[in-house]
Amino acid sequence: MLVLALVIDMLIGDPDAVWRRIPHPVVVMGRLIAVLERRWNDARKTEAQRRIAGLLALAVFLLAAVVIGFGITVFFRHVPFGSLFVAVLASVLLAQRSLYEHIAHVRDAFAKGGVQAARISVARVVGRDPEVLDETAICCAAIESCAENFSDGVVAPAFWFALFGLPGLVAYKIVNTADSMIGHRTERFEAFGWASARCDDLLNFFPARLAGALLSLAAPFAGGGISRSISIMWRDARQHRSPNAGWPESAAAGALDLALAGPRQYAGRSVDDPYLNPEGRAARPDDITRALRLLLAACALEILIYAALALLV
């Protein structure tokens, strides 16, 4: 079912015509998270009370995910071709094609409208201040987003589906969505979103490293070397401020021979992070095309690995 879901997502993705008529499951998850956050994240409470409220909210998210995922799985066991329907539902929560398209839009924007158009396009995939980004920074942002979201949007949900089926996939997606909404270190969210952010770190621990390995193995398809990518990943991944994002990003940096990460700005706030693969060259627009080839090769490799596992099991 997972192999079929990955193939469906790669070929079809998320058709806009469908999601204009009905809400996407991630949108529904976001609404649940927003409702509980508004009701339970009371600024008048102490930090400890808000952390407990956030932990209870996380428990609700996980319980809802497991109940829904298990209920759908049991229902389709009694439906003809039920496994096909489960695979289709799982494909909705994977992001291979949509990730490719979002990053490709940045590359195409350079060709059509130069730096200014690329700034508008990259602002849809990263949270950095677009107006301060030059050509190199835009390219780096797109490539880093490609690598990180390969882990969060493709490898991790597939990993948890492989282990626990639809309940595992839905549980991962709701935690990941919660982290993106309330897992910020701001006055409003730091205490309430702490549990969701830590749970997201935990759920991404193994998938992030698997994503880095897949990107390293795919390096030859982008003109890089496997051993070089692995060595850069092993050396630089822990330099990243995220416990997980550094693995796929540093693997991509080594595979493409680019200097990624480094100092950048988010909503007027400067982040002075070290470079990943600092000896690499500055990114150019054509490197986005190479990053997309790397992404496609890594996705294909993941499908082949799961297909082999399915045959063995």
C-alpha atoms as a PDB file:
ATOM      1  CA  MET A   1       0.000   0.000   0.000  1.00  0.00           C
ATOM      2  CA  LEU A   2       2.844   2.392   0.781  1.00  0.00           C
ATOM      3  CA  VAL A   3       4.581   1.758  -2.546  1.00  0.00           C
ATOM      4  CA  LEU A   4       1.298   2.361  -4.354  1.00  0.00           C
ATOM      5  CA  ALA A   5       0.681   5.531  -2.302  1.00  0.00           C
ATOM      6  CA  LEU A   6       4.135   6.883  -3.156  1.00  0.00           C
ATOM      7  CA  VAL A   7       3.617   6.155  -6.867  1.00  0.00           C
ATOM      8  CA  ILE A   8       0.177   7.797  -6.863  1.00  0.00           C
ATOM      9  CA  ASP A   9       1.542  10.875  -5.117  1.00  0.00           C
ATOM     10  CA  MET A  10       4.488  11.114  -7.515  1.00  0.00           C
ATOM     11  CA  LEU A  11       2.267  10.874 -10.595  1.00  0.00           C
ATOM     12  CA  ILE A  12      -0.821  12.808  -9.464  1.00  0.00           C
ATOM     13  CA  GLY A  13      -0.007  14.806  -6.333  1.00  0.00           C
ATOM     14  CA  ASP A  14      -2.707  17.049  -4.883  1.00  0.00           C
ATOM     15  CA  PRO A  15      -5.185  18.021  -7.637  1.00  0.00           C
ATOM     16  CA  ASP A  16      -6.378  21.587  -7.011  1.00  0.00           C
ATOM     17  CA  ALA A  17      -9.771  20.753  -8.516  1.00  0.00           C
ATOM     18  CA  VAL A  18     -10.454  18.338  -5.661  1.00  0.00           C
ATOM     19  CA  TRP A  19      -9.273  20.524  -2.783  1.00  0.00           C
ATOM     20  CA  ARG A  20     -11.198  23.554  -4.039  1.00  0.00           C
ATOM     21  CA  ARG A  21     -14.371  21.577  -3.350  1.00  0.00           C
ATOM     22  CA  ILE A  22     -13.486  19.807  -0.106  1.00  0.00           C
ATOM     23  CA  PRO A  23     -10.999  20.724   2.642  1.00  0.00           C
ATOM     24  CA  HIS A  24      -7.635  18.973   2.533  1.00  0.00           C
ATOM     25  CA  PRO A  25      -7.062  16.683   5.555  1.00  0.00           C
ATOM     26  CA  VAL A  26      -4.141  18.857   6.678  1.00  0.00           C
ATOM     27  CA  VAL A  27      -6.465  21.873   6.628  1.00  0.00           C
ATOM     28  CA  VAL A  28      -8.895  19.973   8.865  1.00  0.00           C
ATOM     29  CA  MET A  29      -6.019  19.108  11.208  1.00  0.00           C
ATOM     30  CA  GLY A  30      -5.035  22.767  11.288  1.00  0.00           C
ATOM     31  CA  ARG A  31      -8.544  23.793  12.257  1.00  0.00           C
ATOM     32  CA  LEU A  32      -8.587  21.350  15.177  1.00  0.00           C
ATOM     33  CA  ILE A  33      -5.198  22.621  16.361  1.00  0.00           C
ATOM     34  CA  ALA A  34      -6.316  26.254  16.055  1.00  0.00           C
ATOM     35  CA  VAL A  35      -9.522  25.614  18.035  1.00  0.00           C
ATOM     36  CA  LEU A  36      -7.708  23.951  20.933  1.00  0.00           C
ATOM     37  CA  GLU A  37      -4.980  26.583  20.916  1.00  0.00           C
ATOM     38  CA  ARG A  38      -7.514  29.417  21.185  1.00  0.00           C
ATOM     39  CA  ARG A  39      -9.416  27.692  23.982  1.00  0.00           C
ATOM     40  CA  TRP A  40      -6.568  26.251  26.048  1.00  0.00           C
ATOM     41  CA  ASN A  41      -3.610  28.593  25.525  1.00  0.00           C
ATOM     42  CA  ASP A  42      -4.608  31.171  28.141  1.00  0.00           C
ATOM     43  CA  ALA A  43      -2.003  33.937  28.499  1.00  0.00           C
ATOM     44  CA  ARG A  44      -3.141  34.504  32.091  1.00  0.00           C
ATOM     45  CA  LYS A  45      -1.929  31.064  33.165  1.00  0.00           C
ATOM     46  CA  THR A  46       1.580  30.291  34.347  1.00  0.00           C
ATOM     47  CA  GLU A  47       4.162  28.824  32.003  1.00  0.00           C
ATOM     48  CA  ALA A  48       3.835  25.428  33.683  1.00  0.00           C
ATOM     49  CA  GLN A  49       0.054  25.457  33.299  1.00  0.00           C
ATOM     50  CA  ARG A  50       0.359  26.352  29.628  1.00  0.00           C
ATOM     51  CA  ARG A  51       2.857  23.533  29.078  1.00  0.00           C
ATOM     52  CA  ILE A  52       0.419  21.080  30.684  1.00  0.00           C
ATOM     53  CA  ALA A  53      -2.377  22.454  28.484  1.00  0.00           C
ATOM     54  CA  GLY A  54      -0.171  21.988  25.429  1.00  0.00           C
ATOM     55  CA  LEU A  55       0.628  18.428  26.492  1.00  0.00           C
ATOM     56  CA  LEU A  56      -3.090  17.669  26.871  1.00  0.00           C
ATOM     57  CA  ALA A  57      -3.730  19.206  23.454  1.00  0.00           C
ATOM     58  CA  LEU A  58      -1.040  16.968  21.958  1.00  0.00           C
ATOM     59  CA  ALA A  59      -2.723  13.941  23.572  1.00  0.00           C
ATOM     60  CA  VAL A  60      -6.019  14.974  21.962  1.00  0.00           C
ATOM     61  CA  PHE A  61      -4.327  15.370  18.571  1.00  0.00           C
ATOM     62  CA  LEU A  62      -2.732  11.927  18.782  1.00  0.00           C
ATOM     63  CA  LEU A  63      -5.883  10.234  20.055  1.00  0.00           C
ATOM     64  CA  ALA A  64      -7.957  11.768  17.262  1.00  0.00           C
ATOM     65  CA  ALA A  65      -5.367  10.718  14.671  1.00  0.00           C
ATOM     66  CA  VAL A  66      -5.154   7.125  15.866  1.00  0.00           C
ATOM     67  CA  VAL A  67      -8.941   6.718  16.161  1.00  0.00           C
ATOM     68  CA  ILE A  68      -9.557   8.173  12.696  1.00  0.00           C
ATOM     69  CA  GLY A  69      -6.709   6.264  11.057  1.00  0.00           C
ATOM     70  CA  PHE A  70      -7.685   2.973  12.696  1.00  0.00           C
ATOM     71  CA  GLY A  71     -11.379   3.488  11.930  1.00  0.00           C
ATOM     72  CA  ILE A  72     -10.714   4.132   8.239  1.00  0.00           C
ATOM     73  CA  THR A  73      -8.399   1.116   8.031  1.00  0.00           C
ATOM     74  CA  VAL A  74     -10.962  -1.227   9.629  1.00  0.00           C
ATOM     75  CA  PHE A  75     -13.741   0.114   7.403  1.00  0.00           C
ATOM     76  CA  PHE A  76     -11.826  -0.480   4.169  1.00  0.00           C
ATOM     77  CA  ARG A  77     -10.895  -4.018   5.207  1.00  0.00           C
ATOM     78  CA  HIS A  78     -14.510  -4.908   4.449  1.00  0.00           C
ATOM     79  CA  VAL A  79     -14.705  -2.999   1.162  1.00  0.00           C
ATOM     80  CA  PRO A  80     -13.717  -4.474  -2.225  1.00  0.00           C
ATOM     81  CA  PHE A  81     -10.318  -3.098  -3.269  1.00  0.00           C
ATOM     82  CA  GLY A  82     -10.116  -1.485   0.160  1.00  0.00           C
ATOM     83  CA  SER A  83      -6.309  -1.507   0.113  1.00  0.00           C
ATOM     84  CA  LEU A  84      -6.401   0.653  -3.009  1.00  0.00           C
ATOM     85  CA  PHE A  85      -8.576   3.220  -1.229  1.00  0.00           C
ATOM     86  CA  VAL A  86      -6.223   3.259   1.768  1.00  0.00           C
ATOM     87  CA  ALA A  87      -3.276   3.823  -0.586  1.00  0.00           C
ATOM     88  CA  VAL A  88      -5.095   6.730  -2.240  1.00  0.00           C
ATOM     89  CA  LEU A  89      -5.851   8.276   1.158  1.00  0.00           C
ATOM     90  CA  ALA A  90      -2.234   7.815   2.238  1.00  0.00           C
ATOM     91  CA  SER A  91      -1.002   9.499  -0.954  1.00  0.00           C
ATOM     92  CA  VAL A  92      -2.900  12.644   0.056  1.00  0.00           C
ATOM     93  CA  LEU A  93      -0.626  12.972   3.099  1.00  0.00           C
ATOM     94  CA  LEU A  94       2.586  12.593   1.088  1.00  0.00           C
ATOM     95  CA  ALA A  95       4.216  15.548  -0.662  1.00  0.00           C
ATOM     96  CA  GLN A  96       6.585  14.399  -3.399  1.00  0.00           C
ATOM     97  CA  ARG A  97       4.900  16.058  -6.367  1.00  0.00           C
ATOM     98  CA  SER A  98       3.757  19.190  -4.529  1.00  0.00           C
ATOM     99  CA  LEU A  99       7.271  19.698  -3.136  1.00  0.00           C
ATOM    100  CA  TYR A 100       8.777  19.326  -6.600  1.00  0.00           C
ATOM    101  CA  GLU A 101       6.287  21.796  -8.060  1.00  0.00           C
ATOM    102  CA  HIS A 102       6.846  24.426  -5.359  1.00  0.00           C
ATOM    103  CA  ILE A 103      10.613  24.336  -5.773  1.00  0.00           C
ATOM    104  CA  ALA A 104      10.316  24.267  -9.575  1.00  0.00           C
ATOM    105  CA  HIS A 105       8.234  27.449  -9.389  1.00  0.00           C
ATOM    106  CA  VAL A 106      11.201  29.245  -7.820  1.00  0.00           C
ATOM    107  CA  ARG A 107      13.499  28.068 -10.604  1.00  0.00           C
ATOM    108  CA  ASP A 108      10.977  29.102 -13.265  1.00  0.00           C
ATOM    109  CA  ALA A 109      10.480  32.491 -11.616  1.00  0.00           C
ATOM    110  CA  PHE A 110      14.158  33.300 -12.162  1.00  0.00           C
ATOM    111  CA  ALA A 111      13.759  32.618 -15.877  1.00  0.00           C
ATOM    112  CA  LYS A 112      10.534  34.601 -16.238  1.00  0.00           C
ATOM    113  CA  GLY A 113      11.003  37.580 -13.919  1.00  0.00           C
ATOM    114  CA  GLY A 114      14.475  37.521 -12.414  1.00  0.00           C
ATOM    115  CA  VAL A 115      15.285  38.028  -8.750  1.00  0.00           C
ATOM    116  CA  GLN A 116      12.127  39.958  -7.857  1.00  0.00           C
ATOM    117  CA  ALA A 117       9.832  37.236  -9.222  1.00  0.00           C
ATOM    118  CA  ALA A 118      11.925  34.560  -7.511  1.00  0.00           C
ATOM    119  CA  ARG A 119      11.591  36.404  -4.196  1.00  0.00           C
ATOM    120  CA  ILE A 120       7.803  36.232  -4.465  1.00  0.00           C
ATOM    121  CA  SER A 121       7.920  32.549  -5.348  1.00  0.00           C
ATOM    122  CA  VAL A 122      10.369  31.495  -2.620  1.00  0.00           C
ATOM    123  CA  ALA A 123       8.324  33.355   0.007  1.00  0.00           C
ATOM    124  CA  ARG A 124       5.660  30.656  -0.489  1.00  0.00           C
ATOM    125  CA  VAL A 125       8.000  27.914   0.740  1.00  0.00           C
ATOM    126  CA  VAL A 126      10.189  29.582   3.404  1.00  0.00           C
ATOM    127  CA  GLY A 127       9.612  32.004   6.246  1.00  0.00           C
ATOM    128  CA  ARG A 128      12.564  34.310   5.515  1.00  0.00           C
ATOM    129  CA  ASP A 129      12.294  38.006   4.681  1.00  0.00           C
ATOM    130  CA  PRO A 130      12.134  37.848   0.872  1.00  0.00           C
ATOM    131  CA  GLU A 131      13.107  41.478   0.266  1.00  0.00           C
ATOM    132  CA  VAL A 132      16.589  40.971   1.751  1.00  0.00           C
ATOM    133  CA  LEU A 133      17.333  37.871  -0.338  1.00  0.00           C
ATOM    134  CA  ASP A 134      19.728  38.163  -3.243  1.00  0.00           C
ATOM    135  CA  GLU A 135      20.081  35.555  -5.991  1.00  0.00           C
ATOM    136  CA  THR A 136      22.323  33.254  -3.948  1.00  0.00           C
ATOM    137  CA  ALA A 137      20.142  33.484  -0.840  1.00  0.00           C
ATOM    138  CA  ILE A 138      16.994  32.691  -2.840  1.00  0.00           C
ATOM    139  CA  CYS A 139      18.643  29.651  -4.380  1.00  0.00           C
ATOM    140  CA  CYS A 140      19.896  28.471  -0.984  1.00  0.00           C
ATOM    141  CA  ALA A 141      16.448  28.930   0.563  1.00  0.00           C
ATOM    142  CA  ALA A 142      14.795  26.890  -2.191  1.00  0.00           C
ATOM    143  CA  ILE A 143      17.364  24.081  -2.033  1.00  0.00           C
ATOM    144  CA  GLU A 144      17.321  23.912   1.772  1.00  0.00           C
ATOM    145  CA  SER A 145      13.510  23.812   1.726  1.00  0.00           C
ATOM    146  CA  CYS A 146      13.646  21.036  -0.869  1.00  0.00           C
ATOM    147  CA  ALA A 147      15.938  18.932   1.343  1.00  0.00           C
ATOM    148  CA  GLU A 148      14.154  19.594   4.643  1.00  0.00           C
ATOM    149  CA  ASN A 149      10.683  19.025   3.231  1.00  0.00           C
ATOM    150  CA  PHE A 150      11.820  15.836   1.549  1.00  0.00           C
ATOM    151  CA  SER A 151      12.378  14.611   5.100  1.00  0.00           C
ATOM    152  CA  ASP A 152       9.253  16.111   6.712  1.00  0.00           C
ATOM    153  CA  GLY A 153       6.841  15.732   3.806  1.00  0.00           C
ATOM    154  CA  VAL A 154       7.941  12.491   2.169  1.00  0.00           C
ATOM    155  CA  VAL A 155      10.311  10.279   4.143  1.00  0.00           C
ATOM    156  CA  ALA A 156       8.826  10.753   7.622  1.00  0.00           C
ATOM    157  CA  PRO A 157       5.145  10.163   6.737  1.00  0.00           C
ATOM    158  CA  ALA A 158       6.145   7.144   4.626  1.00  0.00           C
ATOM    159  CA  PHE A 159       8.258   5.804   7.501  1.00  0.00           C
ATOM    160  CA  TRP A 160       5.416   5.988  10.008  1.00  0.00           C
ATOM    161  CA  PHE A 161       2.948   4.497   7.524  1.00  0.00           C
ATOM    162  CA  ALA A 162       5.369   1.619   6.939  1.00  0.00           C
ATOM    163  CA  LEU A 163       5.496   0.935  10.693  1.00  0.00           C
ATOM    164  CA  PHE A 164       1.918   1.570  11.808  1.00  0.00           C
ATOM    165  CA  GLY A 165      -0.238   2.015   8.725  1.00  0.00           C
ATOM    166  CA  LEU A 166      -2.732   4.834   8.370  1.00  0.00           C
ATOM    167  CA  PRO A 167      -2.906   5.558  12.144  1.00  0.00           C
ATOM    168  CA  GLY A 168       0.859   6.147  12.200  1.00  0.00           C
ATOM    169  CA  LEU A 169       0.732   8.357   9.117  1.00  0.00           C
ATOM    170  CA  VAL A 170      -2.157  10.507  10.384  1.00  0.00           C
ATOM    171  CA  ALA A 171      -0.555  10.803  13.834  1.00  0.00           C
ATOM    172  CA  TYR A 172       2.712  11.997  12.296  1.00  0.00           C
ATOM    173  CA  LYS A 173       0.978  14.538  10.061  1.00  0.00           C
ATOM    174  CA  ILE A 174      -1.059  16.087  12.864  1.00  0.00           C
ATOM    175  CA  VAL A 175       2.033  16.408  15.086  1.00  0.00           C
ATOM    176  CA  ASN A 176       4.028  17.911  12.224  1.00  0.00           C
ATOM    177  CA  THR A 177       1.185  20.336  11.475  1.00  0.00           C
ATOM    178  CA  ALA A 178       0.960  21.281  15.154  1.00  0.00           C
ATOM    179  CA  ASP A 179       4.688  21.951  15.241  1.00  0.00           C
ATOM    180  CA  SER A 180       4.440  24.248  12.220  1.00  0.00           C
ATOM    181  CA  MET A 181       1.526  26.155  13.792  1.00  0.00           C
ATOM    182  CA  ILE A 182       2.312  26.332  17.505  1.00  0.00           C
ATOM    183  CA  GLY A 183       5.879  25.039  17.847  1.00  0.00           C
ATOM    184  CA  HIS A 184       7.459  28.494  17.631  1.00  0.00           C
ATOM    185  CA  ARG A 185       9.647  30.078  20.277  1.00  0.00           C
ATOM    186  CA  THR A 186       7.470  33.129  20.725  1.00  0.00           C
ATOM    187  CA  GLU A 187       5.793  34.521  23.825  1.00  0.00           C
ATOM    188  CA  ARG A 188       2.438  33.112  22.735  1.00  0.00           C
ATOM    189  CA  PHE A 189       3.505  29.628  21.664  1.00  0.00           C
ATOM    190  CA  GLU A 190       6.720  28.651  23.438  1.00  0.00           C
ATOM    191  CA  ALA A 191       5.064  27.083  26.486  1.00  0.00           C
ATOM    192  CA  PHE A 192       1.864  25.767  24.892  1.00  0.00           C
ATOM    193  CA  GLY A 193       3.619  24.414  21.788  1.00  0.00           C
ATOM    194  CA  TRP A 194       6.569  22.904  23.636  1.00  0.00           C
ATOM    195  CA  ALA A 195       5.132  19.361  23.769  1.00  0.00           C
ATOM    196  CA  SER A 196       4.175  19.368  20.081  1.00  0.00           C
ATOM    197  CA  ALA A 197       7.614  20.677  19.066  1.00  0.00           C
ATOM    198  CA  ARG A 198       9.452  18.049  21.109  1.00  0.00           C
ATOM    199  CA  CYS A 199       7.174  15.280  19.838  1.00  0.00           C
ATOM    200  CA  ASP A 200       7.837  16.412  16.255  1.00  0.00           C
ATOM    201  CA  ASP A 201      11.591  16.298  16.927  1.00  0.00           C
ATOM    202  CA  LEU A 202      11.220  12.754  18.249  1.00  0.00           C
ATOM    203  CA  LEU A 203       9.083  11.528  15.339  1.00  0.00           C
ATOM    204  CA  ASN A 204      11.532  13.008  12.824  1.00  0.00           C
ATOM    205  CA  PHE A 205      14.685  11.650  14.455  1.00  0.00           C
ATOM    206  CA  PHE A 206      15.065   8.481  12.372  1.00  0.00           C
ATOM    207  CA  PRO A 207      13.341   9.751   9.193  1.00  0.00           C
ATOM    208  CA  ALA A 208      15.651  12.795   9.003  1.00  0.00           C
ATOM    209  CA  ARG A 209      18.705  10.584   9.028  1.00  0.00           C
ATOM    210  CA  LEU A 210      17.105   8.230   6.518  1.00  0.00           C
ATOM    211  CA  ALA A 211      16.327  11.214   4.285  1.00  0.00           C
ATOM    212  CA  GLY A 212      19.948  12.312   4.484  1.00  0.00           C
ATOM    213  CA  ALA A 213      21.100   8.825   3.501  1.00  0.00           C
ATOM    214  CA  LEU A 214      18.702   8.724   0.537  1.00  0.00           C
ATOM    215  CA  LEU A 215      19.900  12.122  -0.691  1.00  0.00           C
ATOM    216  CA  SER A 216      23.507  11.005  -0.365  1.00  0.00           C
ATOM    217  CA  LEU A 217      22.833   7.818  -2.333  1.00  0.00           C
ATOM    218  CA  ALA A 218      21.086   9.885  -5.014  1.00  0.00           C
ATOM    219  CA  ALA A 219      24.033  12.312  -5.322  1.00  0.00           C
ATOM    220  CA  PRO A 220      25.356  10.891  -8.645  1.00  0.00           C
ATOM    221  CA  PHE A 221      22.074  11.845 -10.352  1.00  0.00           C
ATOM    222  CA  ALA A 222      22.835  15.500  -9.537  1.00  0.00           C
ATOM    223  CA  GLY A 223      26.497  15.349 -10.524  1.00  0.00           C
ATOM    224  CA  GLY A 224      27.785  14.697  -7.014  1.00  0.00           C
ATOM    225  CA  GLY A 225      29.477  11.866  -5.167  1.00  0.00           C
ATOM    226  CA  ILE A 226      27.992   9.529  -2.585  1.00  0.00           C
ATOM    227  CA  SER A 227      31.035   9.444  -0.301  1.00  0.00           C
ATOM    228  CA  ARG A 228      31.431  13.225  -0.418  1.00  0.00           C
ATOM    229  CA  SER A 229      27.774  13.770   0.503  1.00  0.00           C
ATOM    230  CA  ILE A 230      27.935  11.273   3.355  1.00  0.00           C
ATOM    231  CA  SER A 231      31.113  12.781   4.778  1.00  0.00           C
ATOM    232  CA  ILE A 232      29.688  16.322   4.689  1.00  0.00           C
ATOM    233  CA  MET A 233      26.436  15.120   6.282  1.00  0.00           C
ATOM    234  CA  TRP A 234      28.271  13.289   9.061  1.00  0.00           C
ATOM    235  CA  ARG A 235      30.540  16.259   9.722  1.00  0.00           C
ATOM    236  CA  ASP A 236      28.084  19.185   9.457  1.00  0.00           C
ATOM    237  CA  ALA A 237      24.591  17.888  10.308  1.00  0.00           C
ATOM    238  CA  ARG A 238      25.000  18.627  14.023  1.00  0.00           C
ATOM    239  CA  GLN A 239      25.968  22.229  13.253  1.00  0.00           C
ATOM    240  CA  HIS A 240      22.355  22.992  12.347  1.00  0.00           C
ATOM    241  CA  ARG A 241      20.135  24.571  15.005  1.00  0.00           C
ATOM    242  CA  SER A 242      17.516  21.879  14.349  1.00  0.00           C
ATOM    243  CA  PRO A 243      18.282  18.387  15.674  1.00  0.00           C
ATOM    244  CA  ASN A 244      16.904  16.894  12.454  1.00  0.00           C
ATOM    245  CA  ALA A 245      16.913  19.354   9.542  1.00  0.00           C
ATOM    246  CA  GLY A 246      20.711  19.410   9.396  1.00  0.00           C
ATOM    247  CA  TRP A 247      20.860  15.814   8.129  1.00  0.00           C
ATOM    248  CA  PRO A 248      19.009  16.187   4.802  1.00  0.00           C
ATOM    249  CA  GLU A 249      20.282  19.757   4.298  1.00  0.00           C
ATOM    250  CA  SER A 250      23.936  18.875   4.818  1.00  0.00           C
ATOM    251  CA  ALA A 251      23.536  15.775   2.643  1.00  0.00           C
ATOM    252  CA  ALA A 252      22.156  18.002  -0.136  1.00  0.00           C
ATOM    253  CA  ALA A 253      24.977  20.508   0.411  1.00  0.00           C
ATOM    254  CA  GLY A 254      27.549  17.752  -0.050  1.00  0.00           C
ATOM    255  CA  ALA A 255      25.739  16.158  -2.992  1.00  0.00           C
ATOM    256  CA  LEU A 256      25.502  19.511  -4.836  1.00  0.00           C
ATOM    257  CA  ASP A 257      28.854  20.880  -3.564  1.00  0.00           C
ATOM    258  CA  LEU A 258      27.130  24.036  -2.268  1.00  0.00           C
ATOM    259  CA  ALA A 259      27.493  26.121   0.882  1.00  0.00           C
ATOM    260  CA  LEU A 260      24.027  26.114   2.465  1.00  0.00           C
ATOM    261  CA  ALA A 261      22.448  27.585   5.622  1.00  0.00           C
ATOM    262  CA  GLY A 262      24.557  30.313   7.242  1.00  0.00           C
ATOM    263  CA  PRO A 263      23.271  33.729   8.461  1.00  0.00           C
ATOM    264  CA  ARG A 264      19.708  34.681   7.446  1.00  0.00           C
ATOM    265  CA  GLN A 265      16.689  36.718   8.563  1.00  0.00           C
ATOM    266  CA  TYR A 266      13.203  35.670   9.689  1.00  0.00           C
ATOM    267  CA  ALA A 267      10.597  38.417  10.198  1.00  0.00           C
ATOM    268  CA  GLY A 268      13.272  40.974  10.981  1.00  0.00           C
ATOM    269  CA  ARG A 269      15.134  38.596  13.319  1.00  0.00           C
ATOM    270  CA  SER A 270      18.692  37.639  12.363  1.00  0.00           C
ATOM    271  CA  VAL A 271      19.855  34.040  12.725  1.00  0.00           C
ATOM    272  CA  ASP A 272      23.623  33.605  12.681  1.00  0.00           C
ATOM    273  CA  ASP A 273      23.942  29.907  11.886  1.00  0.00           C
ATOM    274  CA  PRO A 274      27.124  28.267  10.589  1.00  0.00           C
ATOM    275  CA  TYR A 275      27.338  27.162   6.972  1.00  0.00           C
ATOM    276  CA  LEU A 276      26.813  23.568   5.946  1.00  0.00           C
ATOM    277  CA  ASN A 277      29.671  22.554   3.645  1.00  0.00           C
ATOM    278  CA  PRO A 278      31.324  25.990   3.971  1.00  0.00           C
ATOM    279  CA  GLU A 279      33.971  25.065   1.398  1.00  0.00           C
ATOM    280  CA  GLY A 280      31.243  24.614  -1.235  1.00  0.00           C
ATOM    281  CA  ARG A 281      30.486  27.270  -3.822  1.00  0.00           C
ATOM    282  CA  ALA A 282      27.621  29.786  -3.814  1.00  0.00           C
ATOM    283  CA  ALA A 283      24.310  28.520  -5.181  1.00  0.00           C
ATOM    284  CA  ARG A 284      23.051  29.623  -8.599  1.00  0.00           C
ATOM    285  CA  PRO A 285      19.587  29.276 -10.229  1.00  0.00           C
ATOM    286  CA  ASP A 286      20.692  26.240 -12.263  1.00  0.00           C
ATOM    287  CA  ASP A 287      21.527  24.503  -8.973  1.00  0.00           C
ATOM    288  CA  ILE A 288      17.804  24.422  -8.205  1.00  0.00           C
ATOM    289  CA  THR A 289      17.395  22.174 -11.248  1.00  0.00           C
ATOM    290  CA  ARG A 290      20.133  19.920  -9.870  1.00  0.00           C
ATOM    291  CA  ALA A 291      18.393  19.866  -6.485  1.00  0.00           C
ATOM    292  CA  LEU A 292      15.167  18.788  -8.200  1.00  0.00           C
ATOM    293  CA  ARG A 293      17.006  15.949  -9.928  1.00  0.00           C
ATOM    294  CA  LEU A 294      18.393  14.955  -6.546  1.00  0.00           C
ATOM    295  CA  LEU A 295      14.875  15.005  -5.089  1.00  0.00           C
ATOM    296  CA  LEU A 296      13.433  12.854  -7.884  1.00  0.00           C
ATOM    297  CA  ALA A 297      16.242  10.320  -7.599  1.00  0.00           C
ATOM    298  CA  ALA A 298      15.888  10.118  -3.805  1.00  0.00           C
ATOM    299  CA  CYS A 299      12.098   9.632  -4.111  1.00  0.00           C
ATOM    300  CA  ALA A 300      12.576   6.878  -6.700  1.00  0.00           C
ATOM    301  CA  LEU A 301      15.182   5.215  -4.490  1.00  0.00           C
ATOM    302  CA  GLU A 302      12.812   5.292  -1.521  1.00  0.00           C
ATOM    303  CA  ILE A 303      10.072   3.630  -3.581  1.00  0.00           C
ATOM    304  CA  LEU A 304      12.480   0.910  -4.718  1.00  0.00           C
ATOM    305  CA  ILE A 305      13.603   0.234  -1.149  1.00  0.00           C
ATOM    306  CA  TYR A 306      10.041  -0.107   0.139  1.00  0.00           C
ATOM    307  CA  ALA A 307       9.132  -2.292  -2.853  1.00  0.00           C
ATOM    308  CA  ALA A 308      12.056  -4.583  -2.055  1.00  0.00           C
ATOM    309  CA  LEU A 309      11.012  -4.724   1.607  1.00  0.00           C
ATOM    310  CA  ALA A 310       7.430  -5.552   0.587  1.00  0.00           C
ATOM    311  CA  LEU A 311       8.657  -8.464  -1.528  1.00  0.00           C
ATOM    312  CA  LEU A 312      10.878  -9.757   1.269  1.00  0.00           C
ATOM    313  CA  VAL A 313       8.196  -9.485   3.954  1.00  0.00           C
END
